[in-house]
């Protein structure tokens, strides 16, 4: 399941990778109107927070901001796609009608990788706490014995396996 809207080269890549794995790619948002998608998201009581920005397109002050009409207007005024379709930013959903409870996030810092800035987050769920960082739209779990910001591995993936 992919949230791509209209970048054909990315769709081609997604479909190629899925085919290699024997899977069909599902892109339910393909060719939908961006403003309609954003309106549906907000009307559906979905809460999302900006967790990564490409500083070639947006400055770091957008990190940690909740996606709402005000932020959408600021994104459009900055000349970027308010859906982040061109990689200007990434979000993480922290609450939605399908969630049994909101996911609480606490900012632990900012990670810098080339022109990208990522919130280093602590996510809290049902009394448990597991450190995470968000990189290129993929949540990466930090093992308990690693240093802050080091030793990142993808969840359910052995540490020796390559990250997605």
Protein backbone atom coordinates (compact mmCIF):
# COMPACT_ATOMS: atom_id res chain seq x y z
CA UNK A 1 0.00 0.00 0.00
CA UNK A 2 1.56 3.26 -1.14
CA UNK A 3 0.44 6.87 -0.79
CA UNK A 4 1.94 8.14 -4.03
CA UNK A 5 -0.22 10.62 -5.93
CA UNK A 6 1.35 11.25 -9.32
CA UNK A 7 5.13 10.82 -9.58
CA UNK A 8 5.36 8.22 -12.34
CA UNK A 9 9.06 7.35 -11.82
CA UNK A 10 8.32 6.51 -8.18
CA UNK A 11 5.27 4.46 -9.15
CA UNK A 12 7.41 2.56 -11.67
CA UNK A 13 9.99 1.83 -8.94
CA UNK A 14 7.33 0.72 -6.43
CA UNK A 15 5.72 -1.60 -8.96
CA UNK A 16 9.09 -3.04 -10.01
CA UNK A 17 10.18 -3.74 -6.42
CA UNK A 18 6.82 -5.26 -5.52
CA UNK A 19 6.86 -7.45 -8.63
CA UNK A 20 10.31 -8.76 -7.67
CA UNK A 21 8.84 -9.76 -4.30
CA UNK A 22 5.78 -11.36 -5.93
CA UNK A 23 3.46 -8.62 -4.66
CA UNK A 24 1.02 -6.25 -6.32
CA UNK A 25 1.48 -2.55 -5.58
CA UNK A 26 -1.66 -0.78 -4.43
CA UNK A 27 -1.75 3.00 -4.94
CA UNK A 28 -5.24 4.12 -3.89
CA UNK A 29 -4.43 7.84 -4.04
CA UNK A 30 -3.07 7.76 -7.58
CA UNK A 31 -4.19 10.80 -9.60
CA UNK A 32 -6.40 12.16 -6.82
CA UNK A 33 -6.55 15.94 -6.32
CA UNK A 34 -4.14 17.04 -3.60
CA UNK A 35 -6.46 19.60 -2.00
CA UNK A 36 -9.28 17.02 -1.89
CA UNK A 37 -6.96 14.49 -0.24
CA UNK A 38 -5.86 17.02 2.38
CA UNK A 39 -9.46 18.08 3.06
CA UNK A 40 -10.47 14.42 3.48
CA UNK A 41 -7.55 13.80 5.81
CA UNK A 42 -8.40 16.75 8.04
CA UNK A 43 -12.16 16.09 7.96
CA UNK A 44 -11.44 12.50 8.96
CA UNK A 45 -9.83 13.60 12.24
CA UNK A 46 -6.39 12.35 11.22
CA UNK A 47 -3.54 14.05 13.06
CA UNK A 48 -0.11 14.06 11.44
CA UNK A 49 3.13 15.74 12.46
CA UNK A 50 5.98 16.84 10.18
CA UNK A 51 8.97 14.65 11.10
CA UNK A 52 11.38 15.28 8.21
CA UNK A 53 12.18 18.17 5.89
CA UNK A 54 14.41 18.58 2.87
CA UNK A 55 16.13 21.89 3.64
CA UNK A 56 16.66 22.50 -0.09
CA UNK A 57 12.87 23.12 -0.16
CA UNK A 58 11.78 23.90 3.43
CA UNK A 59 13.51 25.17 6.51
CA UNK A 60 13.80 23.35 9.78
CA UNK A 61 11.09 25.42 11.51
CA UNK A 62 8.46 23.13 9.95
CA UNK A 63 9.69 20.15 11.98
CA UNK A 64 7.27 19.09 14.71
CA UNK A 65 4.35 21.06 13.25
CA UNK A 66 0.92 19.43 13.13
CA UNK A 67 -0.64 19.24 9.67
CA UNK A 68 -3.65 21.56 9.68
CA UNK A 69 -5.16 24.25 7.43
CA UNK A 70 -2.69 26.85 8.72
CA UNK A 71 0.33 24.69 7.96
CA UNK A 72 -1.07 23.71 4.56
CA UNK A 73 -1.33 27.42 3.71
CA UNK A 74 2.25 28.03 4.87
CA UNK A 75 3.52 25.09 2.80
CA UNK A 76 1.74 26.37 -0.30
CA UNK A 77 3.02 29.91 0.34
CA UNK A 78 6.54 28.46 0.55
CA UNK A 79 6.01 27.03 -2.93
CA UNK A 80 6.05 23.36 -1.96
CA UNK A 81 3.55 20.58 -2.50
CA UNK A 82 1.31 20.56 0.59
CA UNK A 83 1.15 16.74 0.34
CA UNK A 84 4.95 16.47 0.27
CA UNK A 85 4.73 14.46 -2.93
CA UNK A 86 8.12 15.66 -4.14
CA UNK A 87 9.93 14.73 -0.93
CA UNK A 88 9.82 18.21 0.60
CA UNK A 89 8.73 16.74 3.93
CA UNK A 90 7.40 13.59 5.60
CA UNK A 91 4.83 13.16 8.33
CA UNK A 92 3.93 10.54 10.89
CA UNK A 93 0.27 9.93 11.80
CA UNK A 94 -0.23 10.17 15.56
CA UNK A 95 -4.01 9.81 15.72
CA UNK A 96 -6.80 8.64 13.46
CA UNK A 97 -10.26 7.10 13.89
CA UNK A 98 -8.80 3.59 13.49
CA UNK A 99 -6.31 4.12 16.35
CA UNK A 100 -7.33 2.77 19.75
CA UNK A 101 -5.47 5.71 21.29
CA UNK A 102 -3.23 8.54 20.08
CA UNK A 103 0.49 7.91 19.78
CA UNK A 104 2.33 10.37 21.97
CA UNK A 105 5.59 11.67 20.58
CA UNK A 106 8.32 13.57 22.35
CA UNK A 107 11.07 15.37 20.49
CA UNK A 108 14.46 13.99 21.52
CA UNK A 109 16.46 16.13 19.11
CA UNK A 110 17.11 16.66 15.43
CA UNK A 111 19.08 14.35 13.17
CA UNK A 112 21.00 15.86 10.23
CA UNK A 113 21.73 13.78 7.15
CA UNK A 114 22.94 15.84 4.20
CA UNK A 115 20.19 18.40 3.40
CA UNK A 116 17.58 16.50 5.44
CA UNK A 117 16.49 17.23 9.00
CA UNK A 118 14.64 14.53 10.95
CA UNK A 119 12.98 14.69 14.31
CA UNK A 120 14.60 12.20 16.63
CA UNK A 121 11.45 10.97 18.37
CA UNK A 122 10.47 9.00 21.37
CA UNK A 123 7.15 7.28 20.68
CA UNK A 124 5.03 6.18 23.61
CA UNK A 125 2.27 3.58 23.41
CA UNK A 126 0.28 1.85 26.17
CA UNK A 127 2.83 2.43 28.89
CA UNK A 128 5.83 1.23 26.90
CA UNK A 129 8.54 3.43 25.48
CA UNK A 130 10.77 2.61 22.56
CA UNK A 131 13.17 5.13 21.06
CA UNK A 132 12.75 5.73 17.35
CA UNK A 133 14.02 7.97 14.64
CA UNK A 134 12.31 8.76 11.38
CA UNK A 135 14.43 8.69 8.23
CA UNK A 136 13.15 9.14 4.68
CA UNK A 137 9.63 8.31 5.81
CA UNK A 138 10.63 5.00 7.45
CA UNK A 139 10.47 4.60 11.21
CA UNK A 140 13.65 3.01 12.48
CA UNK A 141 13.82 1.44 15.92
CA UNK A 142 16.86 1.97 18.11
CA UNK A 143 18.08 -1.04 20.06
CA UNK A 144 18.30 -0.58 23.83
CA UNK A 145 22.11 -0.64 24.01
CA UNK A 146 22.86 1.81 21.20
CA UNK A 147 24.06 5.34 21.60
CA UNK A 148 21.65 8.20 20.93
CA UNK A 149 21.18 8.44 17.17
CA UNK A 150 23.38 5.43 16.36
CA UNK A 151 22.75 1.77 15.59
CA UNK A 152 19.46 2.31 13.79
CA UNK A 153 17.74 -0.78 12.41
CA UNK A 154 14.37 -1.29 10.78
CA UNK A 155 11.72 -2.97 12.99
CA UNK A 156 11.36 -6.72 12.46
CA UNK A 157 14.63 -6.77 10.56
CA UNK A 158 17.85 -8.25 11.93
CA UNK A 159 20.54 -5.66 12.53
CA UNK A 160 22.70 -7.27 9.84
CA UNK A 161 19.98 -6.83 7.18
CA UNK A 162 20.06 -3.73 5.02
CA UNK A 163 17.54 -1.01 5.89
CA UNK A 164 14.77 -0.41 3.34
